[in-house]
Amino acid sequence: MMDANEDWVKKSHPGNKLEEFMNDTQLIDPFYEAFKTSPRTYVNGSNRLDYILIDAGLQQAIRRQGYLGNLDANMSDHTLCYIDFDEKALFRGLINRPSEIHAREFLIEQDDKKLKFTTMARTQFLQHNIAERVYKLAAAFSEHGATDMNIATYQTLDKQIMEIVKCSMKKAARKDFGYMRSPDLTTAGQMLMLYKCIHSCKLRRQDAPQSLVKSAARLEVNIQDAMLMTVSQLRKAVTRRRKELWAIQKDCEQRRSNWIATLAEGG
């Protein structure tokens, strides 16, 4: 899922960069292909900014797709889009499950590691002429079909690409795990997000959705009282919660150490 910051169907921004990107990468917008409409996905605007773009070859495996309501499933000012694929149609019976998060070499949030990984992988791809070999193989399949030689070449090329990717990931490594997590830090972040969503509902004169009611209950916040606050009061509450989060982030390591020590003592 991506926040593209523009609506390519309505041509909301000069230059229509998203459509140019789609053409360059040969990706399609499956929602528009299916429904020929571009609904609003940003609560403070009138355009569709959020997309899942896919290769046209995956379209036949789509079983359901669409957008959820405001604040459904994600506490954000953007609506969540989704696609459900038929696994058998998509993978032809060969299913590779994503690795657990703790087993991954680095996380998508780590910009420095992503840059290091892509730089190393791109260098290896250039050294081994991967792009040229892929285009040559595609042409061979187009002309001669799935011959034994083409299949063998594909397997060799696929193995080499995977080895380059795995090697680059291991070299990029992961060391920066972000803030040291603790109940204090997690709760502070959740409280900030909660009040931002309540403020958003108040601005749009929308009743609190069930997801927001559940989040408030989990954080022991009286949602009825919060919804009675004025926009100005909620704005101040958001600012206050943000400052509380910043303060906790500054000593997050010590808070985590204290929390772990308490757990070790059986507290």
C-alpha atoms as a PDB file:
ATOM      1  CA  MET A   1       0.000   0.000   0.000  1.00  0.00           C
ATOM      2  CA  MET A   2       1.309   3.458  -0.837  1.00  0.00           C
ATOM      3  CA  ASP A   3       0.400   7.065  -0.073  1.00  0.00           C
ATOM      4  CA  ALA A   4       1.090   8.629  -3.473  1.00  0.00           C
ATOM      5  CA  ASN A   5      -0.011  12.162  -2.549  1.00  0.00           C
ATOM      6  CA  GLU A   6      -1.903  12.532  -5.833  1.00  0.00           C
ATOM      7  CA  ASP A   7      -4.910  11.181  -7.719  1.00  0.00           C
ATOM      8  CA  TRP A   8      -3.757   9.976 -11.138  1.00  0.00           C
ATOM      9  CA  VAL A   9      -7.327   9.468 -12.391  1.00  0.00           C
ATOM     10  CA  LYS A  10      -8.439  13.027 -11.569  1.00  0.00           C
ATOM     11  CA  LYS A  11      -4.989  14.378 -12.489  1.00  0.00           C
ATOM     12  CA  SER A  12      -4.932  16.273  -9.207  1.00  0.00           C
ATOM     13  CA  HIS A  13      -1.286  17.385  -9.476  1.00  0.00           C
ATOM     14  CA  PRO A  14       0.664  18.983 -12.331  1.00  0.00           C
ATOM     15  CA  GLY A  15       2.749  16.515 -14.290  1.00  0.00           C
ATOM     16  CA  ASN A  16       0.748  13.504 -13.092  1.00  0.00           C
ATOM     17  CA  LYS A  17       3.914  11.825 -11.776  1.00  0.00           C
ATOM     18  CA  LEU A  18       2.053   8.791 -10.439  1.00  0.00           C
ATOM     19  CA  GLU A  19       0.716   7.844 -13.869  1.00  0.00           C
ATOM     20  CA  GLU A  20       4.221   8.344 -15.283  1.00  0.00           C
ATOM     21  CA  PHE A  21       5.596   6.046 -12.574  1.00  0.00           C
ATOM     22  CA  MET A  22       2.953   3.417 -13.356  1.00  0.00           C
ATOM     23  CA  ASN A  23       3.788   3.528 -17.055  1.00  0.00           C
ATOM     24  CA  ASP A  24       7.536   3.315 -16.402  1.00  0.00           C
ATOM     25  CA  THR A  25       7.177   0.338 -14.052  1.00  0.00           C
ATOM     26  CA  GLN A  26       4.315  -1.291 -15.998  1.00  0.00           C
ATOM     27  CA  LEU A  27       2.160  -1.438 -12.874  1.00  0.00           C
ATOM     28  CA  ILE A  28      -1.622  -1.132 -12.892  1.00  0.00           C
ATOM     29  CA  ASP A  29      -4.207   0.247 -10.474  1.00  0.00           C
ATOM     30  CA  PRO A  30      -6.421  -2.840  -9.969  1.00  0.00           C
ATOM     31  CA  PHE A  31      -9.150  -0.962  -8.093  1.00  0.00           C
ATOM     32  CA  TYR A  32      -9.668   1.472 -10.950  1.00  0.00           C
ATOM     33  CA  GLU A  33      -9.441  -1.339 -13.504  1.00  0.00           C
ATOM     34  CA  ALA A  34     -12.265  -3.143 -11.692  1.00  0.00           C
ATOM     35  CA  PHE A  35     -14.588  -0.287 -10.721  1.00  0.00           C
ATOM     36  CA  LYS A  36     -13.633   2.694 -12.938  1.00  0.00           C
ATOM     37  CA  THR A  37     -13.912   5.096 -10.006  1.00  0.00           C
ATOM     38  CA  SER A  38     -11.475   6.985  -7.776  1.00  0.00           C
ATOM     39  CA  PRO A  39     -12.992   7.539  -4.297  1.00  0.00           C
ATOM     40  CA  ARG A  40     -11.619   9.893  -1.662  1.00  0.00           C
ATOM     41  CA  THR A  41      -9.161   8.218   0.711  1.00  0.00           C
ATOM     42  CA  TYR A  42      -7.879  11.265   2.622  1.00  0.00           C
ATOM     43  CA  VAL A  43     -10.298  12.724   5.159  1.00  0.00           C
ATOM     44  CA  ASN A  44      -9.022  16.269   4.692  1.00  0.00           C
ATOM     45  CA  GLY A  45      -9.284  16.261   0.898  1.00  0.00           C
ATOM     46  CA  SER A  46     -11.329  15.040  -2.038  1.00  0.00           C
ATOM     47  CA  ASN A  47      -8.769  12.879  -3.881  1.00  0.00           C
ATOM     48  CA  ARG A  48      -7.721   9.248  -3.785  1.00  0.00           C
ATOM     49  CA  LEU A  49      -4.152   9.233  -2.514  1.00  0.00           C
ATOM     50  CA  ASP A  50      -3.766   5.646  -1.372  1.00  0.00           C
ATOM     51  CA  TYR A  51      -3.153   2.733  -3.724  1.00  0.00           C
ATOM     52  CA  ILE A  52      -2.021  -0.823  -4.115  1.00  0.00           C
ATOM     53  CA  LEU A  53      -0.336  -1.099  -7.506  1.00  0.00           C
ATOM     54  CA  ILE A  54       0.347  -4.525  -8.983  1.00  0.00           C
ATOM     55  CA  ASP A  55       1.690  -6.276 -12.054  1.00  0.00           C
ATOM     56  CA  ALA A  56      -1.070  -6.913 -14.582  1.00  0.00           C
ATOM     57  CA  GLY A  57      -0.304 -10.631 -14.390  1.00  0.00           C
ATOM     58  CA  LEU A  58      -1.595 -10.747 -10.803  1.00  0.00           C
ATOM     59  CA  GLN A  59      -5.007  -9.313 -11.652  1.00  0.00           C
ATOM     60  CA  GLN A  60      -6.579 -12.691 -12.400  1.00  0.00           C
ATOM     61  CA  ALA A  61      -5.784 -13.872  -8.852  1.00  0.00           C
ATOM     62  CA  ILE A  62      -7.686 -11.042  -7.096  1.00  0.00           C
ATOM     63  CA  ARG A  63     -10.735 -12.224  -5.192  1.00  0.00           C
ATOM     64  CA  ARG A  64     -11.693  -9.086  -3.241  1.00  0.00           C
ATOM     65  CA  GLN A  65     -10.449  -5.515  -3.049  1.00  0.00           C
ATOM     66  CA  GLY A  66     -11.596  -2.158  -1.784  1.00  0.00           C
ATOM     67  CA  TYR A  67     -11.263   0.530   0.885  1.00  0.00           C
ATOM     68  CA  LEU A  68     -12.342   0.463   4.516  1.00  0.00           C
ATOM     69  CA  GLY A  69     -14.136   3.313   6.269  1.00  0.00           C
ATOM     70  CA  ASN A  70     -12.465   6.245   8.025  1.00  0.00           C
ATOM     71  CA  LEU A  71     -10.473   5.061  11.073  1.00  0.00           C
ATOM     72  CA  ASP A  72     -11.459   1.427  10.434  1.00  0.00           C
ATOM     73  CA  ALA A  73      -8.514  -0.887  11.204  1.00  0.00           C
ATOM     74  CA  ASN A  74      -5.991   1.967  11.182  1.00  0.00           C
ATOM     75  CA  MET A  75      -6.089   5.138  13.263  1.00  0.00           C
ATOM     76  CA  SER A  76      -5.065   7.508  10.491  1.00  0.00           C
ATOM     77  CA  ASP A  77      -6.408  10.362   8.372  1.00  0.00           C
ATOM     78  CA  HIS A  78      -6.066   8.013   5.366  1.00  0.00           C
ATOM     79  CA  THR A  79      -8.415   5.117   4.659  1.00  0.00           C
ATOM     80  CA  LEU A  80      -6.976   1.633   4.384  1.00  0.00           C
ATOM     81  CA  CYS A  81      -7.043  -0.152   1.029  1.00  0.00           C
ATOM     82  CA  TYR A  82      -6.811  -3.918   0.745  1.00  0.00           C
ATOM     83  CA  ILE A  83      -6.539  -6.758  -1.747  1.00  0.00           C
ATOM     84  CA  ASP A  84      -7.292 -10.425  -1.078  1.00  0.00           C
ATOM     85  CA  PHE A  85      -5.598 -12.840  -3.453  1.00  0.00           C
ATOM     86  CA  ASP A  86      -6.419 -16.468  -4.147  1.00  0.00           C
ATOM     87  CA  GLU A  87      -3.187 -18.125  -3.004  1.00  0.00           C
ATOM     88  CA  LYS A  88      -3.512 -21.079  -5.347  1.00  0.00           C
ATOM     89  CA  ALA A  89      -4.103 -18.832  -8.352  1.00  0.00           C
ATOM     90  CA  LEU A  90      -1.347 -16.445  -7.271  1.00  0.00           C
ATOM     91  CA  PHE A  91       1.401 -18.928  -6.393  1.00  0.00           C
ATOM     92  CA  ARG A  92       0.189 -21.998  -8.284  1.00  0.00           C
ATOM     93  CA  GLY A  93       0.428 -24.035  -5.097  1.00  0.00           C
ATOM     94  CA  LEU A  94       3.960 -22.867  -4.171  1.00  0.00           C
ATOM     95  CA  ILE A  95       3.532 -20.629  -1.125  1.00  0.00           C
ATOM     96  CA  ASN A  96       6.496 -18.844   0.467  1.00  0.00           C
ATOM     97  CA  ARG A  97       5.498 -17.380   3.818  1.00  0.00           C
ATOM     98  CA  PRO A  98       7.129 -14.057   4.854  1.00  0.00           C
ATOM     99  CA  SER A  99       9.780 -14.507   7.524  1.00  0.00           C
ATOM    100  CA  GLU A 100       9.056 -13.434  11.080  1.00  0.00           C
ATOM    101  CA  ILE A 101      10.045  -9.827  11.819  1.00  0.00           C
ATOM    102  CA  HIS A 102      12.806 -10.843  14.257  1.00  0.00           C
ATOM    103  CA  ALA A 103      14.398 -12.996  11.552  1.00  0.00           C
ATOM    104  CA  ARG A 104      14.697 -10.240   8.964  1.00  0.00           C
ATOM    105  CA  GLU A 105      18.055  -8.672   8.174  1.00  0.00           C
ATOM    106  CA  PHE A 106      16.705  -5.129   8.529  1.00  0.00           C
ATOM    107  CA  LEU A 107      13.388  -3.311   8.737  1.00  0.00           C
ATOM    108  CA  ILE A 108      11.689  -1.136   6.133  1.00  0.00           C
ATOM    109  CA  GLU A 109      11.839   1.846   8.523  1.00  0.00           C
ATOM    110  CA  GLN A 110      15.642   1.812   8.550  1.00  0.00           C
ATOM    111  CA  ASP A 111      16.469   4.201   5.700  1.00  0.00           C
ATOM    112  CA  ASP A 112      20.237   3.865   6.085  1.00  0.00           C
ATOM    113  CA  LYS A 113      20.075   0.084   5.792  1.00  0.00           C
ATOM    114  CA  LYS A 114      17.694   0.252   2.812  1.00  0.00           C
ATOM    115  CA  LEU A 115      20.074   2.603   0.989  1.00  0.00           C
ATOM    116  CA  LYS A 116      23.069   0.407   1.757  1.00  0.00           C
ATOM    117  CA  PHE A 117      21.212  -2.721   0.616  1.00  0.00           C
ATOM    118  CA  THR A 118      19.918  -1.247  -2.650  1.00  0.00           C
ATOM    119  CA  THR A 119      23.304   0.268  -3.472  1.00  0.00           C
ATOM    120  CA  MET A 120      25.135  -3.035  -2.981  1.00  0.00           C
ATOM    121  CA  ALA A 121      22.481  -5.071  -4.802  1.00  0.00           C
ATOM    122  CA  ARG A 122      22.400  -2.652  -7.746  1.00  0.00           C
ATOM    123  CA  THR A 123      26.187  -2.800  -8.027  1.00  0.00           C
ATOM    124  CA  GLN A 124      26.112  -6.609  -8.141  1.00  0.00           C
ATOM    125  CA  PHE A 125      23.288  -6.605 -10.684  1.00  0.00           C
ATOM    126  CA  LEU A 126      25.332  -4.340 -12.958  1.00  0.00           C
ATOM    127  CA  GLN A 127      28.472  -6.444 -12.546  1.00  0.00           C
ATOM    128  CA  HIS A 128      26.608  -9.618 -13.512  1.00  0.00           C
ATOM    129  CA  ASN A 129      24.564  -7.990 -16.309  1.00  0.00           C
ATOM    130  CA  ILE A 130      21.335  -9.129 -14.659  1.00  0.00           C
ATOM    131  CA  ALA A 131      19.035  -6.683 -16.488  1.00  0.00           C
ATOM    132  CA  GLU A 132      20.374  -7.541 -19.921  1.00  0.00           C
ATOM    133  CA  ARG A 133      20.125 -11.270 -19.208  1.00  0.00           C
ATOM    134  CA  VAL A 134      16.526 -10.921 -17.981  1.00  0.00           C
ATOM    135  CA  TYR A 135      15.464  -9.059 -21.140  1.00  0.00           C
ATOM    136  CA  LYS A 136      17.290 -11.599 -23.319  1.00  0.00           C
ATOM    137  CA  LEU A 137      15.575 -14.479 -21.514  1.00  0.00           C
ATOM    138  CA  ALA A 138      12.156 -12.812 -21.794  1.00  0.00           C
ATOM    139  CA  ALA A 139      12.684 -12.479 -25.545  1.00  0.00           C
ATOM    140  CA  ALA A 140      13.702 -16.147 -25.753  1.00  0.00           C
ATOM    141  CA  PHE A 141      10.537 -17.226 -23.917  1.00  0.00           C
ATOM    142  CA  SER A 142       8.450 -15.007 -26.178  1.00  0.00           C
ATOM    143  CA  GLU A 143       9.983 -16.527 -29.307  1.00  0.00           C
ATOM    144  CA  HIS A 144      10.516 -20.184 -28.349  1.00  0.00           C
ATOM    145  CA  GLY A 145       8.339 -20.715 -25.267  1.00  0.00           C
ATOM    146  CA  ALA A 146       9.252 -22.785 -22.191  1.00  0.00           C
ATOM    147  CA  THR A 147      11.962 -24.924 -23.740  1.00  0.00           C
ATOM    148  CA  ASP A 148      14.257 -27.003 -21.543  1.00  0.00           C
ATOM    149  CA  MET A 149      17.103 -24.572 -22.229  1.00  0.00           C
ATOM    150  CA  ASN A 150      14.996 -21.510 -21.359  1.00  0.00           C
ATOM    151  CA  ILE A 151      13.769 -23.120 -18.142  1.00  0.00           C
ATOM    152  CA  ALA A 152      17.329 -24.046 -17.128  1.00  0.00           C
ATOM    153  CA  THR A 153      18.528 -20.523 -17.899  1.00  0.00           C
ATOM    154  CA  TYR A 154      15.669 -19.121 -15.837  1.00  0.00           C
ATOM    155  CA  GLN A 155      16.554 -21.317 -12.853  1.00  0.00           C
ATOM    156  CA  THR A 156      20.212 -20.277 -13.041  1.00  0.00           C
ATOM    157  CA  LEU A 157      19.350 -16.595 -13.303  1.00  0.00           C
ATOM    158  CA  ASP A 158      16.784 -16.783 -10.503  1.00  0.00           C
ATOM    159  CA  LYS A 159      19.276 -18.513  -8.199  1.00  0.00           C
ATOM    160  CA  GLN A 160      21.932 -15.868  -8.880  1.00  0.00           C
ATOM    161  CA  ILE A 161      19.491 -12.994  -8.262  1.00  0.00           C
ATOM    162  CA  MET A 162      18.411 -14.532  -4.932  1.00  0.00           C
ATOM    163  CA  GLU A 163      22.033 -15.028  -3.887  1.00  0.00           C
ATOM    164  CA  ILE A 164      22.820 -11.380  -4.659  1.00  0.00           C
ATOM    165  CA  VAL A 165      19.793 -10.211  -2.694  1.00  0.00           C
ATOM    166  CA  LYS A 166      20.558 -12.410   0.334  1.00  0.00           C
ATOM    167  CA  CYS A 167      24.235 -11.468   0.333  1.00  0.00           C
ATOM    168  CA  SER A 168      23.426  -7.747   0.104  1.00  0.00           C
ATOM    169  CA  MET A 169      20.932  -8.037   2.951  1.00  0.00           C
ATOM    170  CA  LYS A 170      23.426  -9.745   5.212  1.00  0.00           C
ATOM    171  CA  LYS A 171      26.091  -7.155   4.442  1.00  0.00           C
ATOM    172  CA  ALA A 172      23.684  -4.296   5.074  1.00  0.00           C
ATOM    173  CA  ALA A 173      22.856  -5.957   8.422  1.00  0.00           C
ATOM    174  CA  ARG A 174      20.612  -4.400  10.997  1.00  0.00           C
ATOM    175  CA  LYS A 175      21.781  -2.696  14.143  1.00  0.00           C
ATOM    176  CA  ASP A 176      19.425   0.204  14.660  1.00  0.00           C
ATOM    177  CA  PHE A 177      16.151  -1.051  16.109  1.00  0.00           C
ATOM    178  CA  GLY A 178      14.749   2.428  16.826  1.00  0.00           C
ATOM    179  CA  TYR A 179      13.581   3.414  20.282  1.00  0.00           C
ATOM    180  CA  MET A 180      13.999   0.946  23.128  1.00  0.00           C
ATOM    181  CA  ARG A 181      10.453  -0.257  23.737  1.00  0.00           C
ATOM    182  CA  SER A 182       8.748  -0.289  27.110  1.00  0.00           C
ATOM    183  CA  PRO A 183       5.126  -0.097  28.311  1.00  0.00           C
ATOM    184  CA  ASP A 184       5.609   3.622  29.013  1.00  0.00           C
ATOM    185  CA  LEU A 185       6.751   4.343  25.455  1.00  0.00           C
ATOM    186  CA  THR A 186       4.077   2.180  23.846  1.00  0.00           C
ATOM    187  CA  THR A 187       1.275   3.688  25.900  1.00  0.00           C
ATOM    188  CA  ALA A 188       2.455   7.246  25.233  1.00  0.00           C
ATOM    189  CA  GLY A 189       2.476   6.594  21.480  1.00  0.00           C
ATOM    190  CA  GLN A 190      -0.969   5.011  21.588  1.00  0.00           C
ATOM    191  CA  MET A 191      -2.382   7.910  23.622  1.00  0.00           C
ATOM    192  CA  LEU A 192      -1.047  10.433  21.116  1.00  0.00           C
ATOM    193  CA  MET A 193      -2.596   8.535  18.220  1.00  0.00           C
ATOM    194  CA  LEU A 194      -5.893   8.206  20.091  1.00  0.00           C
ATOM    195  CA  TYR A 195      -6.254  11.932  20.708  1.00  0.00           C
ATOM    196  CA  LYS A 196      -5.214  12.752  17.148  1.00  0.00           C
ATOM    197  CA  CYS A 197      -8.034  10.526  15.876  1.00  0.00           C
ATOM    198  CA  ILE A 198     -10.559  12.028  18.298  1.00  0.00           C
ATOM    199  CA  HIS A 199      -9.496  15.486  17.136  1.00  0.00           C
ATOM    200  CA  SER A 200      -9.942  14.362  13.525  1.00  0.00           C
ATOM    201  CA  CYS A 201     -13.465  13.081  14.257  1.00  0.00           C
ATOM    202  CA  LYS A 202     -14.365  16.325  15.971  1.00  0.00           C
ATOM    203  CA  LEU A 203     -13.105  18.397  13.049  1.00  0.00           C
ATOM    204  CA  ARG A 204     -15.211  16.390  10.616  1.00  0.00           C
ATOM    205  CA  ARG A 205     -18.222  16.197  12.982  1.00  0.00           C
ATOM    206  CA  GLN A 206     -18.072  12.415  12.810  1.00  0.00           C
ATOM    207  CA  ASP A 207     -19.100  10.063  15.605  1.00  0.00           C
ATOM    208  CA  ALA A 208     -16.325   7.944  17.061  1.00  0.00           C
ATOM    209  CA  PRO A 209     -16.129   4.649  15.103  1.00  0.00           C
ATOM    210  CA  GLN A 210     -16.128   1.364  16.984  1.00  0.00           C
ATOM    211  CA  SER A 211     -12.386   0.915  16.484  1.00  0.00           C
ATOM    212  CA  LEU A 212     -11.756   4.230  18.252  1.00  0.00           C
ATOM    213  CA  VAL A 213     -14.146   3.321  21.085  1.00  0.00           C
ATOM    214  CA  LYS A 214     -12.255   0.057  21.638  1.00  0.00           C
ATOM    215  CA  SER A 215      -8.881   1.811  21.613  1.00  0.00           C
ATOM    216  CA  ALA A 216     -10.105   4.357  24.156  1.00  0.00           C
ATOM    217  CA  ALA A 217     -11.414   1.587  26.422  1.00  0.00           C
ATOM    218  CA  ARG A 218      -8.098  -0.257  26.212  1.00  0.00           C
ATOM    219  CA  LEU A 219      -6.265   2.923  27.253  1.00  0.00           C
ATOM    220  CA  GLU A 220      -8.855   3.665  29.978  1.00  0.00           C
ATOM    221  CA  VAL A 221      -9.957   6.921  28.334  1.00  0.00           C
ATOM    222  CA  ASN A 222     -13.617   7.935  28.599  1.00  0.00           C
ATOM    223  CA  ILE A 223     -14.512   8.351  24.946  1.00  0.00           C
ATOM    224  CA  GLN A 224     -17.786  10.163  25.738  1.00  0.00           C
ATOM    225  CA  ASP A 225     -15.973  12.819  27.744  1.00  0.00           C
ATOM    226  CA  ALA A 226     -13.276  13.143  25.099  1.00  0.00           C
ATOM    227  CA  MET A 227     -15.834  13.632  22.330  1.00  0.00           C
ATOM    228  CA  LEU A 228     -17.423  16.441  24.351  1.00  0.00           C
ATOM    229  CA  MET A 229     -14.165  18.411  24.285  1.00  0.00           C
ATOM    230  CA  THR A 230     -13.900  21.330  21.871  1.00  0.00           C
ATOM    231  CA  VAL A 231     -11.595  21.294  18.866  1.00  0.00           C
ATOM    232  CA  SER A 232      -9.314  23.755  20.636  1.00  0.00           C
ATOM    233  CA  GLN A 233      -9.188  21.594  23.778  1.00  0.00           C
ATOM    234  CA  LEU A 234      -8.415  18.499  21.722  1.00  0.00           C
ATOM    235  CA  ARG A 235      -5.674  20.323  19.840  1.00  0.00           C
ATOM    236  CA  LYS A 236      -4.065  21.209  23.166  1.00  0.00           C
ATOM    237  CA  ALA A 237      -4.501  17.619  24.345  1.00  0.00           C
ATOM    238  CA  VAL A 238      -2.688  16.364  21.224  1.00  0.00           C
ATOM    239  CA  THR A 239       0.156  18.813  21.837  1.00  0.00           C
ATOM    240  CA  ARG A 240       0.394  17.723  25.461  1.00  0.00           C
ATOM    241  CA  ARG A 241       0.452  14.034  24.530  1.00  0.00           C
ATOM    242  CA  ARG A 242       3.111  14.678  21.889  1.00  0.00           C
ATOM    243  CA  LYS A 243       5.351  16.399  24.449  1.00  0.00           C
ATOM    244  CA  GLU A 244       4.848  13.499  26.855  1.00  0.00           C
ATOM    245  CA  LEU A 245       5.929  11.064  24.138  1.00  0.00           C
ATOM    246  CA  TRP A 246       9.029  13.122  23.335  1.00  0.00           C
ATOM    247  CA  ALA A 247       9.982  13.186  27.015  1.00  0.00           C
ATOM    248  CA  ILE A 248       9.668   9.405  27.291  1.00  0.00           C
ATOM    249  CA  GLN A 249      11.659   8.876  24.085  1.00  0.00           C
ATOM    250  CA  LYS A 250      14.585  10.805  25.561  1.00  0.00           C
ATOM    251  CA  ASP A 251      15.092   8.273  28.349  1.00  0.00           C
ATOM    252  CA  CYS A 252      13.566   5.245  26.630  1.00  0.00           C
ATOM    253  CA  GLU A 253      16.631   3.077  27.274  1.00  0.00           C
ATOM    254  CA  GLN A 254      16.519   3.642  31.036  1.00  0.00           C
ATOM    255  CA  ARG A 255      12.765   3.039  31.124  1.00  0.00           C
ATOM    256  CA  ARG A 256      13.215  -0.239  29.272  1.00  0.00           C
ATOM    257  CA  SER A 257      15.989  -1.314  31.649  1.00  0.00           C
ATOM    258  CA  ASN A 258      13.773  -0.535  34.635  1.00  0.00           C
ATOM    259  CA  TRP A 259      10.888  -2.452  33.087  1.00  0.00           C
ATOM    260  CA  ILE A 260      13.038  -5.527  32.361  1.00  0.00           C
ATOM    261  CA  ALA A 261      14.476  -5.407  35.893  1.00  0.00           C
ATOM    262  CA  THR A 262      10.945  -5.328  37.322  1.00  0.00           C
ATOM    263  CA  LEU A 263       9.974  -8.342  35.222  1.00  0.00           C
ATOM    264  CA  ALA A 264      13.083 -10.199  36.375  1.00  0.00           C
ATOM    265  CA  GLU A 265      12.163  -9.553  39.984  1.00  0.00           C
ATOM    266  CA  GLY A 266       8.721 -10.962  39.360  1.00  0.00           C
ATOM    267  CA  GLY A 267       6.989  -7.601  39.663  1.00  0.00           C
END
